[in-house]
N, C-alpha and C. Protein backbone atom coordinates (compact mmCIF):
# COMPACT_ATOMS: atom_id res chain seq x y z
N MET A 1 -77.01 42.76 -99.14
CA MET A 1 -76.25 41.70 -98.51
C MET A 1 -75.74 42.20 -97.16
N ALA A 2 -75.81 41.35 -96.17
CA ALA A 2 -75.35 41.73 -94.83
C ALA A 2 -73.84 41.87 -94.78
N GLN A 3 -73.40 42.79 -94.00
CA GLN A 3 -71.97 43.01 -93.79
C GLN A 3 -71.72 43.03 -92.29
N PHE A 4 -70.69 42.32 -91.86
CA PHE A 4 -70.41 42.31 -90.43
C PHE A 4 -68.94 42.02 -90.20
N SER A 5 -68.48 42.35 -89.03
CA SER A 5 -67.09 42.10 -88.67
C SER A 5 -66.99 40.85 -87.81
N VAL A 6 -65.91 40.13 -87.99
CA VAL A 6 -65.67 38.91 -87.23
C VAL A 6 -64.28 39.02 -86.62
N LYS A 7 -64.16 38.78 -85.35
CA LYS A 7 -62.85 38.76 -84.69
C LYS A 7 -62.63 37.34 -84.20
N ILE A 8 -61.79 36.61 -84.91
CA ILE A 8 -61.49 35.23 -84.54
C ILE A 8 -59.98 35.06 -84.57
N MET A 9 -59.44 34.51 -83.52
CA MET A 9 -58.02 34.20 -83.50
C MET A 9 -57.89 32.71 -83.81
N ARG A 10 -57.02 32.38 -84.74
CA ARG A 10 -56.81 30.97 -85.06
C ARG A 10 -55.33 30.73 -85.30
N LEU A 11 -54.90 29.53 -85.06
CA LEU A 11 -53.50 29.17 -85.27
C LEU A 11 -53.48 28.11 -86.35
N THR A 12 -52.88 28.43 -87.49
CA THR A 12 -52.78 27.51 -88.61
C THR A 12 -51.31 27.19 -88.81
N GLY A 13 -50.90 25.97 -88.53
CA GLY A 13 -49.48 25.66 -88.57
C GLY A 13 -48.80 26.52 -87.53
N SER A 14 -47.94 27.39 -87.97
CA SER A 14 -47.28 28.29 -87.03
C SER A 14 -47.54 29.75 -87.36
N VAL A 15 -48.53 30.02 -88.22
CA VAL A 15 -48.89 31.39 -88.57
C VAL A 15 -50.17 31.74 -87.82
N LEU A 16 -50.12 32.82 -87.07
CA LEU A 16 -51.29 33.27 -86.32
C LEU A 16 -52.08 34.21 -87.21
N GLY A 17 -53.38 33.95 -87.36
CA GLY A 17 -54.22 34.79 -88.20
C GLY A 17 -55.42 35.32 -87.44
N GLU A 18 -55.88 36.49 -87.83
CA GLU A 18 -57.04 37.12 -87.22
C GLU A 18 -57.93 37.65 -88.33
N ASN A 19 -59.18 37.14 -88.41
CA ASN A 19 -60.13 37.69 -89.36
C ASN A 19 -60.58 39.05 -88.85
N GLN A 20 -60.40 40.09 -89.67
CA GLN A 20 -60.74 41.43 -89.23
C GLN A 20 -62.04 41.94 -89.83
N HIS A 21 -62.33 41.54 -91.05
CA HIS A 21 -63.58 41.97 -91.68
C HIS A 21 -63.95 40.95 -92.74
N TRP A 22 -65.21 40.58 -92.75
CA TRP A 22 -65.66 39.58 -93.71
C TRP A 22 -66.96 40.04 -94.32
N HIS A 23 -67.00 40.14 -95.62
CA HIS A 23 -68.22 40.47 -96.35
C HIS A 23 -68.45 39.29 -97.30
N PRO A 24 -69.29 38.34 -96.91
CA PRO A 24 -69.44 37.10 -97.67
C PRO A 24 -69.63 37.32 -99.17
N PHE A 25 -68.95 36.52 -99.94
CA PHE A 25 -69.01 36.47 -101.39
C PHE A 25 -68.33 37.66 -102.08
N ASP A 26 -67.83 38.64 -101.34
CA ASP A 26 -67.17 39.78 -101.96
C ASP A 26 -65.70 39.88 -101.55
N TYR A 27 -65.45 39.98 -100.25
CA TYR A 27 -64.07 40.12 -99.79
C TYR A 27 -63.96 39.76 -98.32
N PHE A 28 -62.72 39.53 -97.89
CA PHE A 28 -62.45 39.42 -96.46
C PHE A 28 -61.07 39.97 -96.19
N THR A 29 -60.89 40.50 -95.01
CA THR A 29 -59.62 41.08 -94.58
C THR A 29 -59.16 40.32 -93.35
N CYS A 30 -57.89 39.97 -93.34
CA CYS A 30 -57.34 39.28 -92.18
C CYS A 30 -55.93 39.78 -91.92
N GLY A 31 -55.52 39.64 -90.70
CA GLY A 31 -54.16 39.97 -90.32
C GLY A 31 -53.43 38.69 -89.98
N ILE A 32 -52.20 38.54 -90.47
CA ILE A 32 -51.41 37.36 -90.14
C ILE A 32 -50.10 37.81 -89.50
N THR A 33 -49.60 36.99 -88.62
CA THR A 33 -48.31 37.23 -88.00
C THR A 33 -47.44 36.01 -88.26
N LEU A 34 -46.33 36.22 -88.95
CA LEU A 34 -45.42 35.13 -89.28
C LEU A 34 -44.64 34.72 -88.04
N PRO A 35 -44.21 33.45 -87.99
CA PRO A 35 -43.51 32.95 -86.80
C PRO A 35 -42.05 33.40 -86.78
N MET A 36 -41.84 34.69 -86.63
CA MET A 36 -40.50 35.27 -86.56
C MET A 36 -40.47 36.28 -85.42
N PRO A 37 -39.40 36.34 -84.68
CA PRO A 37 -39.33 37.31 -83.59
C PRO A 37 -39.50 38.74 -84.11
N GLY A 38 -40.38 39.49 -83.46
CA GLY A 38 -40.59 40.88 -83.81
C GLY A 38 -41.34 41.11 -85.11
N ALA A 39 -41.95 40.06 -85.68
CA ALA A 39 -42.67 40.21 -86.94
C ALA A 39 -43.91 41.08 -86.75
N PRO A 40 -44.08 42.09 -87.62
CA PRO A 40 -45.30 42.90 -87.54
C PRO A 40 -46.47 42.14 -88.17
N GLN A 41 -47.67 42.53 -87.83
CA GLN A 41 -48.84 41.92 -88.43
C GLN A 41 -48.95 42.39 -89.89
N ILE A 42 -49.27 41.46 -90.78
CA ILE A 42 -49.49 41.78 -92.19
C ILE A 42 -51.00 41.72 -92.42
N VAL A 43 -51.58 42.84 -92.84
CA VAL A 43 -53.01 42.92 -93.08
C VAL A 43 -53.26 42.73 -94.57
N MET A 44 -54.07 41.73 -94.90
CA MET A 44 -54.34 41.39 -96.30
C MET A 44 -55.84 41.34 -96.55
N THR A 45 -56.24 41.83 -97.71
CA THR A 45 -57.63 41.73 -98.15
C THR A 45 -57.66 40.89 -99.41
N ARG A 46 -58.57 39.93 -99.45
CA ARG A 46 -58.80 39.13 -100.64
C ARG A 46 -60.18 39.47 -101.17
N ARG A 47 -60.25 39.76 -102.46
CA ARG A 47 -61.49 40.20 -103.08
C ARG A 47 -61.82 39.28 -104.24
N VAL A 48 -63.08 38.90 -104.37
CA VAL A 48 -63.54 38.04 -105.45
C VAL A 48 -64.50 38.84 -106.33
N THR A 49 -64.21 38.87 -107.65
CA THR A 49 -65.08 39.58 -108.60
C THR A 49 -65.31 38.69 -109.82
N SER A 50 -66.31 39.02 -110.59
CA SER A 50 -66.59 38.30 -111.82
C SER A 50 -65.68 38.83 -112.92
N ALA A 51 -65.14 37.92 -113.72
CA ALA A 51 -64.30 38.31 -114.85
C ALA A 51 -65.21 38.73 -116.01
N PRO A 52 -64.77 39.68 -116.84
CA PRO A 52 -65.59 40.16 -117.95
C PRO A 52 -66.09 39.05 -118.89
N GLY A 53 -65.26 38.07 -119.21
CA GLY A 53 -65.66 37.00 -120.12
C GLY A 53 -66.19 35.77 -119.42
N GLY A 54 -66.49 35.88 -118.15
CA GLY A 54 -66.91 34.72 -117.36
C GLY A 54 -65.77 34.30 -116.45
N GLY A 55 -66.07 33.51 -115.48
CA GLY A 55 -65.05 33.09 -114.53
C GLY A 55 -64.98 34.03 -113.34
N THR A 56 -63.93 33.86 -112.57
CA THR A 56 -63.77 34.61 -111.33
C THR A 56 -62.36 35.15 -111.22
N VAL A 57 -62.23 36.35 -110.67
CA VAL A 57 -60.93 36.96 -110.42
C VAL A 57 -60.73 37.05 -108.91
N LEU A 58 -59.60 36.53 -108.42
CA LEU A 58 -59.24 36.66 -107.01
C LEU A 58 -58.12 37.68 -106.93
N SER A 59 -58.37 38.79 -106.24
CA SER A 59 -57.37 39.84 -106.06
C SER A 59 -56.93 39.84 -104.61
N MET A 60 -55.64 40.06 -104.38
CA MET A 60 -55.13 40.11 -103.02
C MET A 60 -54.37 41.42 -102.84
N TYR A 61 -54.66 42.10 -101.75
CA TYR A 61 -54.04 43.39 -101.43
C TYR A 61 -53.44 43.33 -100.05
N THR A 62 -52.35 44.05 -99.84
CA THR A 62 -51.79 44.18 -98.50
C THR A 62 -51.81 45.63 -98.09
N ALA A 63 -51.99 45.86 -96.81
CA ALA A 63 -51.95 47.22 -96.29
C ALA A 63 -50.51 47.72 -96.34
N ARG A 64 -50.35 49.02 -96.52
CA ARG A 64 -49.01 49.60 -96.55
C ARG A 64 -48.38 49.46 -95.16
N PRO A 65 -47.16 48.93 -95.11
CA PRO A 65 -46.51 48.75 -93.81
C PRO A 65 -46.03 50.08 -93.24
N ALA A 66 -45.82 50.09 -91.94
CA ALA A 66 -45.19 51.25 -91.30
C ALA A 66 -43.77 51.36 -91.86
N PRO A 67 -43.22 52.56 -91.99
CA PRO A 67 -41.88 52.74 -92.57
C PRO A 67 -40.82 51.86 -91.92
N GLU A 68 -40.90 51.65 -90.63
CA GLU A 68 -39.89 50.83 -89.97
C GLU A 68 -40.03 49.34 -90.29
N ASP A 69 -41.14 48.94 -90.91
CA ASP A 69 -41.37 47.54 -91.27
C ASP A 69 -41.14 47.25 -92.74
N ASP A 70 -40.71 48.24 -93.52
CA ASP A 70 -40.53 48.06 -94.97
C ASP A 70 -39.62 46.89 -95.31
N ALA A 71 -38.46 46.79 -94.67
CA ALA A 71 -37.50 45.73 -94.98
C ALA A 71 -38.11 44.35 -94.71
N PHE A 72 -38.81 44.22 -93.59
CA PHE A 72 -39.45 42.94 -93.28
C PHE A 72 -40.48 42.58 -94.34
N PHE A 73 -41.30 43.56 -94.75
CA PHE A 73 -42.34 43.30 -95.74
C PHE A 73 -41.75 42.91 -97.09
N GLU A 74 -40.66 43.52 -97.49
CA GLU A 74 -40.01 43.17 -98.76
C GLU A 74 -39.57 41.71 -98.72
N LYS A 75 -38.97 41.30 -97.63
CA LYS A 75 -38.50 39.92 -97.48
C LYS A 75 -39.69 38.95 -97.46
N ALA A 76 -40.73 39.29 -96.73
CA ALA A 76 -41.92 38.44 -96.65
C ALA A 76 -42.61 38.34 -98.00
N ALA A 77 -42.66 39.43 -98.75
CA ALA A 77 -43.31 39.43 -100.06
C ALA A 77 -42.60 38.49 -101.03
N THR A 78 -41.29 38.45 -100.97
CA THR A 78 -40.52 37.56 -101.84
C THR A 78 -40.86 36.10 -101.54
N GLY A 79 -40.91 35.74 -100.27
CA GLY A 79 -41.26 34.38 -99.89
C GLY A 79 -42.71 34.03 -100.23
N PHE A 80 -43.60 34.99 -100.05
CA PHE A 80 -45.01 34.78 -100.35
C PHE A 80 -45.20 34.54 -101.85
N ASP A 81 -44.53 35.35 -102.66
CA ASP A 81 -44.61 35.21 -104.10
C ASP A 81 -44.09 33.85 -104.54
N ALA A 82 -42.97 33.43 -103.98
CA ALA A 82 -42.38 32.14 -104.33
C ALA A 82 -43.30 30.98 -103.97
N ALA A 83 -44.05 31.09 -102.90
CA ALA A 83 -44.97 30.03 -102.48
C ALA A 83 -46.29 30.09 -103.25
N LEU A 84 -46.73 31.29 -103.60
CA LEU A 84 -48.04 31.46 -104.23
C LEU A 84 -48.06 31.03 -105.69
N ARG A 85 -47.01 31.34 -106.43
CA ARG A 85 -47.01 31.02 -107.87
C ARG A 85 -47.20 29.52 -108.15
N PRO A 86 -46.47 28.61 -107.49
CA PRO A 86 -46.73 27.17 -107.74
C PRO A 86 -48.14 26.75 -107.30
N ALA A 87 -48.66 27.34 -106.23
CA ALA A 87 -50.00 27.01 -105.77
C ALA A 87 -51.04 27.41 -106.81
N ILE A 88 -50.85 28.55 -107.45
CA ILE A 88 -51.77 29.00 -108.49
C ILE A 88 -51.73 28.05 -109.68
N GLU A 89 -50.55 27.61 -110.06
CA GLU A 89 -50.42 26.68 -111.17
C GLU A 89 -51.10 25.35 -110.85
N ARG A 90 -50.96 24.87 -109.62
CA ARG A 90 -51.64 23.63 -109.23
C ARG A 90 -53.14 23.81 -109.28
N LEU A 91 -53.64 24.95 -108.83
CA LEU A 91 -55.08 25.22 -108.87
C LEU A 91 -55.57 25.27 -110.31
N ARG A 92 -54.82 25.92 -111.18
CA ARG A 92 -55.21 25.96 -112.60
C ARG A 92 -55.32 24.56 -113.19
N ALA A 93 -54.36 23.70 -112.85
CA ALA A 93 -54.38 22.33 -113.36
C ALA A 93 -55.61 21.57 -112.87
N VAL A 94 -55.95 21.75 -111.59
CA VAL A 94 -57.12 21.07 -111.02
C VAL A 94 -58.40 21.58 -111.70
N LEU A 95 -58.50 22.88 -111.90
CA LEU A 95 -59.70 23.44 -112.51
C LEU A 95 -59.84 23.06 -113.97
N ALA A 96 -58.72 22.78 -114.64
CA ALA A 96 -58.77 22.41 -116.05
C ALA A 96 -59.24 20.97 -116.25
N GLU A 97 -59.19 20.15 -115.21
CA GLU A 97 -59.59 18.73 -115.33
C GLU A 97 -61.06 18.58 -115.54
């Protein structure tokens, strides 16, 4: 399977994102910058794998922040978790239909 890097800047709502690496059907890595003064870029990788009993597993990883950005990342992670959990439940409901 071909592997290549893509550098695309896009503005979604008020979050600026940059695709940093894309390997179709396996994973992609992107950096996002939240709309906050002095916000560091958050680098995230999303990986798709087959589940042992069938189905698909979506894993999400974040790069370790610089020590001076730890407090910001902790706060951002709390908000991300709060937003992601209801979205996952909605997706489960749609897939169950």
